[in-house]
Amino acid sequence: MGGSDIEAGLGSNATSQDRFLRARRPTARQVEAVYLVMRLLRRDRPDDASGEEFRCDGCGRDRPRSGSVAYGDLVLCNGCATDYELMRLAEGTRLPVGGSGISGFGG
């Protein structure tokens, strides 16, 4: 069921959890801001312009270091960091990062 299907089905029988999940949906401006910051990270790291790659802790692929984001001991590629920030925004969570990984994210 897609997001609009869920919203359409909320009607008067919506639980408090349904209303909370709907209320936590990021606005278009919030999503745009996340994408803007992630694009800036790719451009504002001239020290990472060497073409060096690393293994992303989110997707497990070798990715360019430019634009990567460190969360505690973990380093995510720009794409995974963008997805993680959008997920965090939607869930309204803090950074649940530890030595064993980012809770609920990646492999």
PDB file of N, CA and C in Angstrom:
ATOM      1  N   MET A   1       0.852  -1.174   0.000  1.00  0.00           N
ATOM      2  CA  MET A   1       0.000   0.000   0.000  1.00  0.00           C
ATOM      3  C   MET A   1       0.892   1.229   0.000  1.00  0.00           C
ATOM      4  N   GLY A   2       0.712   2.139  -0.938  1.00  0.00           N
ATOM      5  CA  GLY A   2       1.524   3.353  -1.038  1.00  0.00           C
ATOM      6  C   GLY A   2       1.108   4.392  -0.018  1.00  0.00           C
ATOM      7  N   GLY A   3       1.912   5.446   0.109  1.00  0.00           N
ATOM      8  CA  GLY A   3       1.658   6.497   1.080  1.00  0.00           C
ATOM      9  C   GLY A   3       0.292   7.142   0.915  1.00  0.00           C
ATOM     10  N   SER A   4      -0.117   7.414  -0.334  1.00  0.00           N
ATOM     11  CA  SER A   4      -1.415   8.048  -0.544  1.00  0.00           C
ATOM     12  C   SER A   4      -2.547   7.079  -0.223  1.00  0.00           C
ATOM     13  N   ASP A   5      -2.335   5.760  -0.449  1.00  0.00           N
ATOM     14  CA  ASP A   5      -3.341   4.767  -0.090  1.00  0.00           C
ATOM     15  C   ASP A   5      -3.539   4.740   1.418  1.00  0.00           C
ATOM     16  N   ILE A   6      -2.438   4.844   2.147  1.00  0.00           N
ATOM     17  CA  ILE A   6      -2.522   4.843   3.604  1.00  0.00           C
ATOM     18  C   ILE A   6      -3.293   6.065   4.076  1.00  0.00           C
ATOM     19  N   GLU A   7      -2.944   7.229   3.538  1.00  0.00           N
ATOM     20  CA  GLU A   7      -3.635   8.457   3.948  1.00  0.00           C
ATOM     21  C   GLU A   7      -5.119   8.386   3.613  1.00  0.00           C
ATOM     22  N   ALA A   8      -5.444   7.862   2.434  1.00  0.00           N
ATOM     23  CA  ALA A   8      -6.839   7.782   2.020  1.00  0.00           C
ATOM     24  C   ALA A   8      -7.628   6.880   2.959  1.00  0.00           C
ATOM     25  N   GLY A   9      -6.977   5.858   3.510  1.00  0.00           N
ATOM     26  CA  GLY A   9      -7.657   4.922   4.382  1.00  0.00           C
ATOM     27  C   GLY A   9      -7.694   5.340   5.840  1.00  0.00           C
ATOM     28  N   LEU A  10      -7.206   6.508   6.187  1.00  0.00           N
ATOM     29  CA  LEU A  10      -7.143   6.897   7.585  1.00  0.00           C
ATOM     30  C   LEU A  10      -8.486   7.343   8.146  1.00  0.00           C
ATOM     31  N   GLY A  11      -9.305   7.964   7.397  1.00  0.00           N
ATOM     32  CA  GLY A  11     -10.648   8.353   7.812  1.00  0.00           C
ATOM     33  C   GLY A  11     -10.853   8.485   9.307  1.00  0.00           C
ATOM     34  N   SER A  12     -12.069   8.184   9.779  1.00  0.00           N
ATOM     35  CA  SER A  12     -12.399   8.337  11.194  1.00  0.00           C
ATOM     36  C   SER A  12     -11.883   7.177  12.032  1.00  0.00           C
ATOM     37  N   ASN A  13     -11.468   6.079  11.404  1.00  0.00           N
ATOM     38  CA  ASN A  13     -10.972   4.920  12.139  1.00  0.00           C
ATOM     39  C   ASN A  13      -9.471   4.987  12.386  1.00  0.00           C
ATOM     40  N   ALA A  14      -8.852   6.115  12.117  1.00  0.00           N
ATOM     41  CA  ALA A  14      -7.400   6.251  12.276  1.00  0.00           C
ATOM     42  C   ALA A  14      -7.019   6.095  13.736  1.00  0.00           C
ATOM     43  N   THR A  15      -5.988   5.300  13.961  1.00  0.00           N
ATOM     44  CA  THR A  15      -5.466   5.153  15.318  1.00  0.00           C
ATOM     45  C   THR A  15      -4.538   6.322  15.607  1.00  0.00           C
ATOM     46  N   SER A  16      -4.160   6.466  16.864  1.00  0.00           N
ATOM     47  CA  SER A  16      -3.220   7.541  17.191  1.00  0.00           C
ATOM     48  C   SER A  16      -1.886   7.306  16.505  1.00  0.00           C
ATOM     49  N   GLN A  17      -1.492   6.030  16.339  1.00  0.00           N
ATOM     50  CA  GLN A  17      -0.236   5.738  15.638  1.00  0.00           C
ATOM     51  C   GLN A  17      -0.342   6.154  14.170  1.00  0.00           C
ATOM     52  N   ASP A  18      -1.479   5.891  13.520  1.00  0.00           N
ATOM     53  CA  ASP A  18      -1.677   6.304  12.130  1.00  0.00           C
ATOM     54  C   ASP A  18      -1.565   7.819  12.002  1.00  0.00           C
ATOM     55  N   ARG A  19      -2.201   8.541  12.918  1.00  0.00           N
ATOM     56  CA  ARG A  19      -2.143   9.997  12.880  1.00  0.00           C
ATOM     57  C   ARG A  19      -0.728  10.490  13.125  1.00  0.00           C
ATOM     58  N   PHE A  20      -0.003   9.820  14.049  1.00  0.00           N
ATOM     59  CA  PHE A  20       1.384  10.202  14.319  1.00  0.00           C
ATOM     60  C   PHE A  20       2.237  10.000  13.074  1.00  0.00           C
ATOM     61  N   LEU A  21       2.104   8.849  12.429  1.00  0.00           N
ATOM     62  CA  LEU A  21       2.905   8.569  11.237  1.00  0.00           C
ATOM     63  C   LEU A  21       2.601   9.566  10.133  1.00  0.00           C
ATOM     64  N   ARG A  22       1.345   9.914   9.956  1.00  0.00           N
ATOM     65  CA  ARG A  22       0.974  10.891   8.940  1.00  0.00           C
ATOM     66  C   ARG A  22       1.529  12.269   9.299  1.00  0.00           C
ATOM     67  N   ALA A  23       1.485  12.633  10.577  1.00  0.00           N
ATOM     68  CA  ALA A  23       1.968  13.939  11.012  1.00  0.00           C
ATOM     69  C   ALA A  23       3.485  14.048  10.873  1.00  0.00           C
ATOM     70  N   ARG A  24       4.200  12.934  10.934  1.00  0.00           N
ATOM     71  CA  ARG A  24       5.652  12.936  10.873  1.00  0.00           C
ATOM     72  C   ARG A  24       6.179  12.966   9.445  1.00  0.00           C
ATOM     73  N   ARG A  25       5.311  12.903   8.459  1.00  0.00           N
ATOM     74  CA  ARG A  25       5.776  12.930   7.077  1.00  0.00           C
ATOM     75  C   ARG A  25       6.504  14.250   6.831  1.00  0.00           C
ATOM     76  N   PRO A  26       7.759  14.181   6.357  1.00  0.00           N
ATOM     77  CA  PRO A  26       8.514  15.418   6.108  1.00  0.00           C
ATOM     78  C   PRO A  26       7.833  16.280   5.051  1.00  0.00           C
ATOM     79  N   THR A  27       7.939  17.566   5.230  1.00  0.00           N
ATOM     80  CA  THR A  27       7.396  18.478   4.229  1.00  0.00           C
ATOM     81  C   THR A  27       8.322  18.497   3.010  1.00  0.00           C
ATOM     82  N   ALA A  28       7.837  19.017   1.918  1.00  0.00           N
ATOM     83  CA  ALA A  28       8.652  19.130   0.704  1.00  0.00           C
ATOM     84  C   ALA A  28       9.876  20.003   0.964  1.00  0.00           C
ATOM     85  N   ARG A  29       9.720  21.040   1.765  1.00  0.00           N
ATOM     86  CA  ARG A  29      10.860  21.926   2.081  1.00  0.00           C
ATOM     87  C   ARG A  29      11.917  21.202   2.914  1.00  0.00           C
ATOM     88  N   GLN A  30      11.498  20.340   3.838  1.00  0.00           N
ATOM     89  CA  GLN A  30      12.448  19.575   4.639  1.00  0.00           C
ATOM     90  C   GLN A  30      13.229  18.598   3.762  1.00  0.00           C
ATOM     91  N   VAL A  31      12.533  17.916   2.879  1.00  0.00           N
ATOM     92  CA  VAL A  31      13.189  16.971   1.970  1.00  0.00           C
ATOM     93  C   VAL A  31      14.165  17.715   1.067  1.00  0.00           C
ATOM     94  N   GLU A  32      13.741  18.843   0.541  1.00  0.00           N
ATOM     95  CA  GLU A  32      14.604  19.663  -0.309  1.00  0.00           C
ATOM     96  C   GLU A  32      15.859  20.103   0.457  1.00  0.00           C
ATOM     97  N   ALA A  33      15.698  20.447   1.728  1.00  0.00           N
ATOM     98  CA  ALA A  33      16.838  20.873   2.541  1.00  0.00           C
ATOM     99  C   ALA A  33      17.839  19.740   2.740  1.00  0.00           C
ATOM    100  N   VAL A  34      17.352  18.512   2.952  1.00  0.00           N
ATOM    101  CA  VAL A  34      18.249  17.363   3.104  1.00  0.00           C
ATOM    102  C   VAL A  34      19.052  17.161   1.823  1.00  0.00           C
ATOM    103  N   TYR A  35      18.380  17.185   0.678  1.00  0.00           N
ATOM    104  CA  TYR A  35      19.079  17.012  -0.596  1.00  0.00           C
ATOM    105  C   TYR A  35      20.096  18.127  -0.835  1.00  0.00           C
ATOM    106  N   LEU A  36      19.746  19.351  -0.469  1.00  0.00           N
ATOM    107  CA  LEU A  36      20.662  20.475  -0.645  1.00  0.00           C
ATOM    108  C   LEU A  36      21.932  20.284   0.188  1.00  0.00           C
ATOM    109  N   VAL A  37      21.767  19.910   1.454  1.00  0.00           N
ATOM    110  CA  VAL A  37      22.923  19.707   2.322  1.00  0.00           C
ATOM    111  C   VAL A  37      23.800  18.579   1.791  1.00  0.00           C
ATOM    112  N   MET A  38      23.196  17.508   1.337  1.00  0.00           N
ATOM    113  CA  MET A  38      23.988  16.382   0.826  1.00  0.00           C
ATOM    114  C   MET A  38      24.742  16.759  -0.456  1.00  0.00           C
ATOM    115  N   ARG A  39      24.134  17.575  -1.302  1.00  0.00           N
ATOM    116  CA  ARG A  39      24.850  18.064  -2.498  1.00  0.00           C
ATOM    117  C   ARG A  39      26.018  18.954  -2.089  1.00  0.00           C
ATOM    118  N   LEU A  40      25.812  19.792  -1.072  1.00  0.00           N
ATOM    119  CA  LEU A  40      26.886  20.657  -0.588  1.00  0.00           C
ATOM    120  C   LEU A  40      28.054  19.842  -0.035  1.00  0.00           C
ATOM    121  N   LEU A  41      27.754  18.756   0.644  1.00  0.00           N
ATOM    122  CA  LEU A  41      28.819  17.905   1.172  1.00  0.00           C
ATOM    123  C   LEU A  41      29.699  17.350   0.046  1.00  0.00           C
ATOM    124  N   ARG A  42      29.079  17.008  -1.069  1.00  0.00           N
ATOM    125  CA  ARG A  42      29.865  16.490  -2.204  1.00  0.00           C
ATOM    126  C   ARG A  42      30.770  17.564  -2.765  1.00  0.00           C
ATOM    127  N   ARG A  43      30.295  18.806  -2.786  1.00  0.00           N
ATOM    128  CA  ARG A  43      31.067  19.911  -3.379  1.00  0.00           C
ATOM    129  C   ARG A  43      32.067  20.549  -2.428  1.00  0.00           C
ATOM    130  N   ASP A  44      31.775  20.523  -1.135  1.00  0.00           N
ATOM    131  CA  ASP A  44      32.582  21.266  -0.160  1.00  0.00           C
ATOM    132  C   ASP A  44      33.701  20.459   0.474  1.00  0.00           C
ATOM    133  N   ARG A  45      34.058  19.366  -0.087  1.00  0.00           N
ATOM    134  CA  ARG A  45      35.127  18.550   0.477  1.00  0.00           C
ATOM    135  C   ARG A  45      36.263  18.396  -0.530  1.00  0.00           C
ATOM    136  N   PRO A  46      37.004  19.487  -0.809  1.00  0.00           N
ATOM    137  CA  PRO A  46      38.078  19.401  -1.799  1.00  0.00           C
ATOM    138  C   PRO A  46      39.166  18.418  -1.397  1.00  0.00           C
ATOM    139  N   ASP A  47      39.325  18.176  -0.091  1.00  0.00           N
ATOM    140  CA  ASP A  47      40.331  17.221   0.361  1.00  0.00           C
ATOM    141  C   ASP A  47      39.982  15.796  -0.037  1.00  0.00           C
ATOM    142  N   ASP A  48      38.710  15.555  -0.366  1.00  0.00           N
ATOM    143  CA  ASP A  48      38.278  14.225  -0.783  1.00  0.00           C
ATOM    144  C   ASP A  48      38.203  14.095  -2.302  1.00  0.00           C
ATOM    145  N   ALA A  49      38.691  15.078  -3.028  1.00  0.00           N
ATOM    146  CA  ALA A  49      38.595  15.069  -4.487  1.00  0.00           C
ATOM    147  C   ALA A  49      39.642  14.171  -5.141  1.00  0.00           C
ATOM    148  N   SER A  50      40.391  13.438  -4.341  1.00  0.00           N
ATOM    149  CA  SER A  50      41.461  12.596  -4.866  1.00  0.00           C
ATOM    150  C   SER A  50      40.940  11.385  -5.617  1.00  0.00           C
ATOM    151  N   GLY A  51      39.654  11.133  -5.537  1.00  0.00           N
ATOM    152  CA  GLY A  51      39.099   9.951  -6.180  1.00  0.00           C
ATOM    153  C   GLY A  51      39.163   8.722  -5.281  1.00  0.00           C
ATOM    154  N   GLU A  52      39.607   8.924  -4.049  1.00  0.00           N
ATOM    155  CA  GLU A  52      39.705   7.827  -3.091  1.00  0.00           C
ATOM    156  C   GLU A  52      38.327   7.223  -2.844  1.00  0.00           C
ATOM    157  N   GLU A  53      38.289   5.901  -2.707  1.00  0.00           N
ATOM    158  CA  GLU A  53      37.029   5.219  -2.434  1.00  0.00           C
ATOM    159  C   GLU A  53      37.085   4.547  -1.068  1.00  0.00           C
ATOM    160  N   PHE A  54      35.937   4.183  -0.557  1.00  0.00           N
ATOM    161  CA  PHE A  54      35.824   3.475   0.715  1.00  0.00           C
ATOM    162  C   PHE A  54      34.643   2.525   0.616  1.00  0.00           C
ATOM    163  N   ARG A  55      34.563   1.605   1.534  1.00  0.00           N
ATOM    164  CA  ARG A  55      33.430   0.669   1.576  1.00  0.00           C
ATOM    165  C   ARG A  55      32.351   1.282   2.458  1.00  0.00           C
ATOM    166  N   CYS A  56      31.189   1.570   1.870  1.00  0.00           N
ATOM    167  CA  CYS A  56      30.077   2.191   2.592  1.00  0.00           C
ATOM    168  C   CYS A  56      29.502   1.190   3.599  1.00  0.00           C
ATOM    169  N   ASP A  57      29.307   1.653   4.842  1.00  0.00           N
ATOM    170  CA  ASP A  57      28.735   0.792   5.874  1.00  0.00           C
ATOM    171  C   ASP A  57      27.233   0.605   5.708  1.00  0.00           C
ATOM    172  N   GLY A  58      26.602   1.361   4.821  1.00  0.00           N
ATOM    173  CA  GLY A  58      25.167   1.205   4.571  1.00  0.00           C
ATOM    174  C   GLY A  58      24.870   0.208   3.478  1.00  0.00           C
ATOM    175  N   CYS A  59      25.461   0.423   2.294  1.00  0.00           N
ATOM    176  CA  CYS A  59      25.159  -0.433   1.138  1.00  0.00           C
ATOM    177  C   CYS A  59      26.240  -1.472   0.868  1.00  0.00           C
ATOM    178  N   GLY A  60      27.402  -1.303   1.496  1.00  0.00           N
ATOM    179  CA  GLY A  60      28.472  -2.275   1.337  1.00  0.00           C
ATOM    180  C   GLY A  60      29.250  -2.160   0.038  1.00  0.00           C
ATOM    181  N   ARG A  61      28.976  -1.125  -0.749  1.00  0.00           N
ATOM    182  CA  ARG A  61      29.677  -0.951  -2.027  1.00  0.00           C
ATOM    183  C   ARG A  61      30.861  -0.003  -1.869  1.00  0.00           C
ATOM    184  N   ASP A  62      31.825  -0.133  -2.776  1.00  0.00           N
ATOM    185  CA  ASP A  62      32.925   0.830  -2.834  1.00  0.00           C
ATOM    186  C   ASP A  62      32.384   2.103  -3.462  1.00  0.00           C
ATOM    187  N   ARG A  63      32.503   3.205  -2.728  1.00  0.00           N
ATOM    188  CA  ARG A  63      31.926   4.475  -3.163  1.00  0.00           C
ATOM    189  C   ARG A  63      32.968   5.576  -3.051  1.00  0.00           C
ATOM    190  N   PRO A  64      32.782   6.701  -3.770  1.00  0.00           N
ATOM    191  CA  PRO A  64      33.713   7.834  -3.640  1.00  0.00           C
ATOM    192  C   PRO A  64      33.645   8.417  -2.229  1.00  0.00           C
ATOM    193  N   ARG A  65      34.789   8.754  -1.670  1.00  0.00           N
ATOM    194  CA  ARG A  65      34.823   9.344  -0.329  1.00  0.00           C
ATOM    195  C   ARG A  65      34.173  10.728  -0.327  1.00  0.00           C
ATOM    196  N   SER A  66      34.254  11.444  -1.437  1.00  0.00           N
ATOM    197  CA  SER A  66      33.656  12.778  -1.527  1.00  0.00           C
ATOM    198  C   SER A  66      32.155  12.701  -1.243  1.00  0.00           C
ATOM    199  N   GLY A  67      31.720  13.486  -0.286  1.00  0.00           N
ATOM    200  CA  GLY A  67      30.308  13.523   0.074  1.00  0.00           C
ATOM    201  C   GLY A  67      29.906  12.499   1.104  1.00  0.00           C
ATOM    202  N   SER A  68      30.837  11.656   1.544  1.00  0.00           N
ATOM    203  CA  SER A  68      30.502  10.650   2.551  1.00  0.00           C
ATOM    204  C   SER A  68      30.258  11.347   3.895  1.00  0.00           C
ATOM    205  N   VAL A  69      29.550  10.653   4.763  1.00  0.00           N
ATOM    206  CA  VAL A  69      29.208  11.214   6.072  1.00  0.00           C
ATOM    207  C   VAL A  69      29.536  10.184   7.140  1.00  0.00           C
ATOM    208  N   ALA A  70      30.257  10.620   8.174  1.00  0.00           N
ATOM    209  CA  ALA A  70      30.582   9.746   9.295  1.00  0.00           C
ATOM    210  C   ALA A  70      29.518   9.885  10.383  1.00  0.00           C
ATOM    211  N   TYR A  71      29.010   8.749  10.834  1.00  0.00           N
ATOM    212  CA  TYR A  71      28.067   8.675  11.952  1.00  0.00           C
ATOM    213  C   TYR A  71      28.735   7.790  12.999  1.00  0.00           C
ATOM    214  N   GLY A  72      29.382   8.395  13.951  1.00  0.00           N
ATOM    215  CA  GLY A  72      30.121   7.609  14.933  1.00  0.00           C
ATOM    216  C   GLY A  72      31.248   6.868  14.237  1.00  0.00           C
ATOM    217  N   ASP A  73      31.280   5.555  14.409  1.00  0.00           N
ATOM    218  CA  ASP A  73      32.308   4.716  13.792  1.00  0.00           C
ATOM    219  C   ASP A  73      31.978   4.331  12.360  1.00  0.00           C
ATOM    220  N   LEU A  74      30.787   4.657  11.903  1.00  0.00           N
ATOM    221  CA  LEU A  74      30.337   4.249  10.575  1.00  0.00           C
ATOM    222  C   LEU A  74      30.475   5.388   9.578  1.00  0.00           C
ATOM    223  N   VAL A  75      30.725   5.029   8.320  1.00  0.00           N
ATOM    224  CA  VAL A  75      30.805   6.018   7.245  1.00  0.00           C
ATOM    225  C   VAL A  75      29.852   5.571   6.143  1.00  0.00           C
ATOM    226  N   LEU A  76      28.955   6.475   5.759  1.00  0.00           N
ATOM    227  CA  LEU A  76      27.980   6.191   4.706  1.00  0.00           C
ATOM    228  C   LEU A  76      28.311   6.997   3.467  1.00  0.00           C
ATOM    229  N   CYS A  77      28.066   6.397   2.306  1.00  0.00           N
ATOM    230  CA  CYS A  77      28.207   7.141   1.056  1.00  0.00           C
ATOM    231  C   CYS A  77      27.126   8.212   1.013  1.00  0.00           C
ATOM    232  N   ASN A  78      27.249   9.135   0.098  1.00  0.00           N
ATOM    233  CA  ASN A  78      26.311  10.248   0.027  1.00  0.00           C
ATOM    234  C   ASN A  78      24.882   9.760  -0.183  1.00  0.00           C
ATOM    235  N   GLY A  79      24.703   8.758  -1.016  1.00  0.00           N
ATOM    236  CA  GLY A  79      23.358   8.231  -1.273  1.00  0.00           C
ATOM    237  C   GLY A  79      22.739   7.609  -0.036  1.00  0.00           C
ATOM    238  N   CYS A  80      23.507   6.772   0.673  1.00  0.00           N
ATOM    239  CA  CYS A  80      22.997   6.142   1.890  1.00  0.00           C
ATOM    240  C   CYS A  80      22.779   7.172   2.990  1.00  0.00           C
ATOM    241  N   ALA A  81      23.667   8.144   3.096  1.00  0.00           N
ATOM    242  CA  ALA A  81      23.509   9.193   4.110  1.00  0.00           C
ATOM    243  C   ALA A  81      22.250  10.004   3.829  1.00  0.00           C
ATOM    244  N   THR A  82      21.985  10.274   2.563  1.00  0.00           N
ATOM    245  CA  THR A  82      20.760  10.998   2.194  1.00  0.00           C
ATOM    246  C   THR A  82      19.540  10.187   2.594  1.00  0.00           C
ATOM    247  N   ASP A  83      19.521   8.898   2.238  1.00  0.00           N
ATOM    248  CA  ASP A  83      18.399   8.029   2.604  1.00  0.00           C
ATOM    249  C   ASP A  83      18.228   7.968   4.117  1.00  0.00           C
ATOM    250  N   TYR A  84      19.339   7.843   4.834  1.00  0.00           N
ATOM    251  CA  TYR A  84      19.282   7.750   6.291  1.00  0.00           C
ATOM    252  C   TYR A  84      18.723   9.033   6.904  1.00  0.00           C
ATOM    253  N   GLU A  85      19.168  10.185   6.415  1.00  0.00           N
ATOM    254  CA  GLU A  85      18.672  11.453   6.950  1.00  0.00           C
ATOM    255  C   GLU A  85      17.180  11.630   6.663  1.00  0.00           C
ATOM    256  N   LEU A  86      16.728  11.208   5.492  1.00  0.00           N
ATOM    257  CA  LEU A  86      15.296  11.291   5.173  1.00  0.00           C
ATOM    258  C   LEU A  86      14.497  10.354   6.076  1.00  0.00           C
ATOM    259  N   MET A  87      15.034   9.159   6.326  1.00  0.00           N
ATOM    260  CA  MET A  87      14.370   8.205   7.205  1.00  0.00           C
ATOM    261  C   MET A  87      14.309   8.761   8.631  1.00  0.00           C
ATOM    262  N   ARG A  88      15.415   9.329   9.093  1.00  0.00           N
ATOM    263  CA  ARG A  88      15.468   9.923  10.427  1.00  0.00           C
ATOM    264  C   ARG A  88      14.470  11.067  10.562  1.00  0.00           C
ATOM    265  N   LEU A  89      14.388  11.889   9.531  1.00  0.00           N
ATOM    266  CA  LEU A  89      13.456  13.009   9.528  1.00  0.00           C
ATOM    267  C   LEU A  89      12.014  12.502   9.596  1.00  0.00           C
ATOM    268  N   ALA A  90      11.707  11.495   8.805  1.00  0.00           N
ATOM    269  CA  ALA A  90      10.351  10.947   8.781  1.00  0.00           C
ATOM    270  C   ALA A  90       9.972  10.294  10.102  1.00  0.00           C
ATOM    271  N   GLU A  91      10.945   9.658  10.744  1.00  0.00           N
ATOM    272  CA  GLU A  91      10.663   8.966  12.002  1.00  0.00           C
ATOM    273  C   GLU A  91      10.817   9.863  13.215  1.00  0.00           C
ATOM    274  N   GLY A  92      11.447  11.031  13.023  1.00  0.00           N
ATOM    275  CA  GLY A  92      11.652  11.938  14.139  1.00  0.00           C
ATOM    276  C   GLY A  92      12.590  11.374  15.181  1.00  0.00           C
ATOM    277  N   THR A  93      13.604  10.630  14.720  1.00  0.00           N
ATOM    278  CA  THR A  93      14.514   9.978  15.655  1.00  0.00           C
ATOM    279  C   THR A  93      15.827  10.717  15.775  1.00  0.00           C
ATOM    280  N   ARG A  94      16.530  10.416  16.854  1.00  0.00           N
ATOM    281  CA  ARG A  94      17.888  10.906  17.030  1.00  0.00           C
ATOM    282  C   ARG A  94      18.833   9.951  16.326  1.00  0.00           C
ATOM    283  N   LEU A  95      20.109  10.219  16.388  1.00  0.00           N
ATOM    284  CA  LEU A  95      21.096   9.355  15.744  1.00  0.00           C
ATOM    285  C   LEU A  95      21.332   8.095  16.575  1.00  0.00           C
ATOM    286  N   PRO A  96      20.707   6.963  16.196  1.00  0.00           N
ATOM    287  CA  PRO A  96      20.915   5.721  16.944  1.00  0.00           C
ATOM    288  C   PRO A  96      22.139   4.985  16.423  1.00  0.00           C
ATOM    289  N   VAL A  97      23.289   5.589  16.562  1.00  0.00           N
ATOM    290  CA  VAL A  97      24.513   5.040  15.990  1.00  0.00           C
ATOM    291  C   VAL A  97      25.347   4.429  17.086  1.00  0.00           C
ATOM    292  N   GLY A  98      25.844   3.261  16.810  1.00  0.00           N
ATOM    293  CA  GLY A  98      26.744   2.616  17.753  1.00  0.00           C
ATOM    294  C   GLY A  98      27.780   1.808  17.005  1.00  0.00           C
ATOM    295  N   GLY A  99      28.618   1.131  17.737  1.00  0.00           N
ATOM    296  CA  GLY A  99      29.675   0.345  17.136  1.00  0.00           C
ATOM    297  C   GLY A  99      29.147  -0.786  16.273  1.00  0.00           C
ATOM    298  N   SER A 100      27.919  -1.238  16.527  1.00  0.00           N
ATOM    299  CA  SER A 100      27.388  -2.371  15.774  1.00  0.00           C
ATOM    300  C   SER A 100      26.578  -1.943  14.557  1.00  0.00           C
ATOM    301  N   GLY A 101      26.422  -0.680  14.338  1.00  0.00           N
ATOM    302  CA  GLY A 101      25.698  -0.230  13.149  1.00  0.00           C
ATOM    303  C   GLY A 101      24.653   0.808  13.473  1.00  0.00           C
ATOM    304  N   ILE A 102      24.012   1.257  12.439  1.00  0.00           N
ATOM    305  CA  ILE A 102      22.933   2.230  12.590  1.00  0.00           C
ATOM    306  C   ILE A 102      21.650   1.443  12.697  1.00  0.00           C
ATOM    307  N   SER A 103      20.955   1.608  13.782  1.00  0.00           N
ATOM    308  CA  SER A 103      19.744   0.854  14.049  1.00  0.00           C
ATOM    309  C   SER A 103      18.740   0.978  12.903  1.00  0.00           C
ATOM    310  N   GLY A 104      18.341  -0.146  12.345  1.00  0.00           N
ATOM    311  CA  GLY A 104      17.314  -0.170  11.315  1.00  0.00           C
ATOM    312  C   GLY A 104      17.765   0.294   9.956  1.00  0.00           C
ATOM    313  N   PHE A 105      19.064   0.388   9.718  1.00  0.00           N
ATOM    314  CA  PHE A 105      19.531   0.894   8.427  1.00  0.00           C
ATOM    315  C   PHE A 105      20.680   0.076   7.930  1.00  0.00           C
ATOM    316  N   GLY A 106      20.680  -0.158   6.627  1.00  0.00           N
ATOM    317  CA  GLY A 106      21.828  -0.812   5.981  1.00  0.00           C
ATOM    318  C   GLY A 106      21.881  -2.290   6.261  1.00  0.00           C
ATOM    319  N   GLY A 107      22.988  -2.889   5.820  1.00  0.00           N
ATOM    320  CA  GLY A 107      23.121  -4.337   5.958  1.00  0.00           C
ATOM    321  C   GLY A 107      24.221  -4.635   6.829  1.00  0.00           C
TER     322      GLY A 107
END
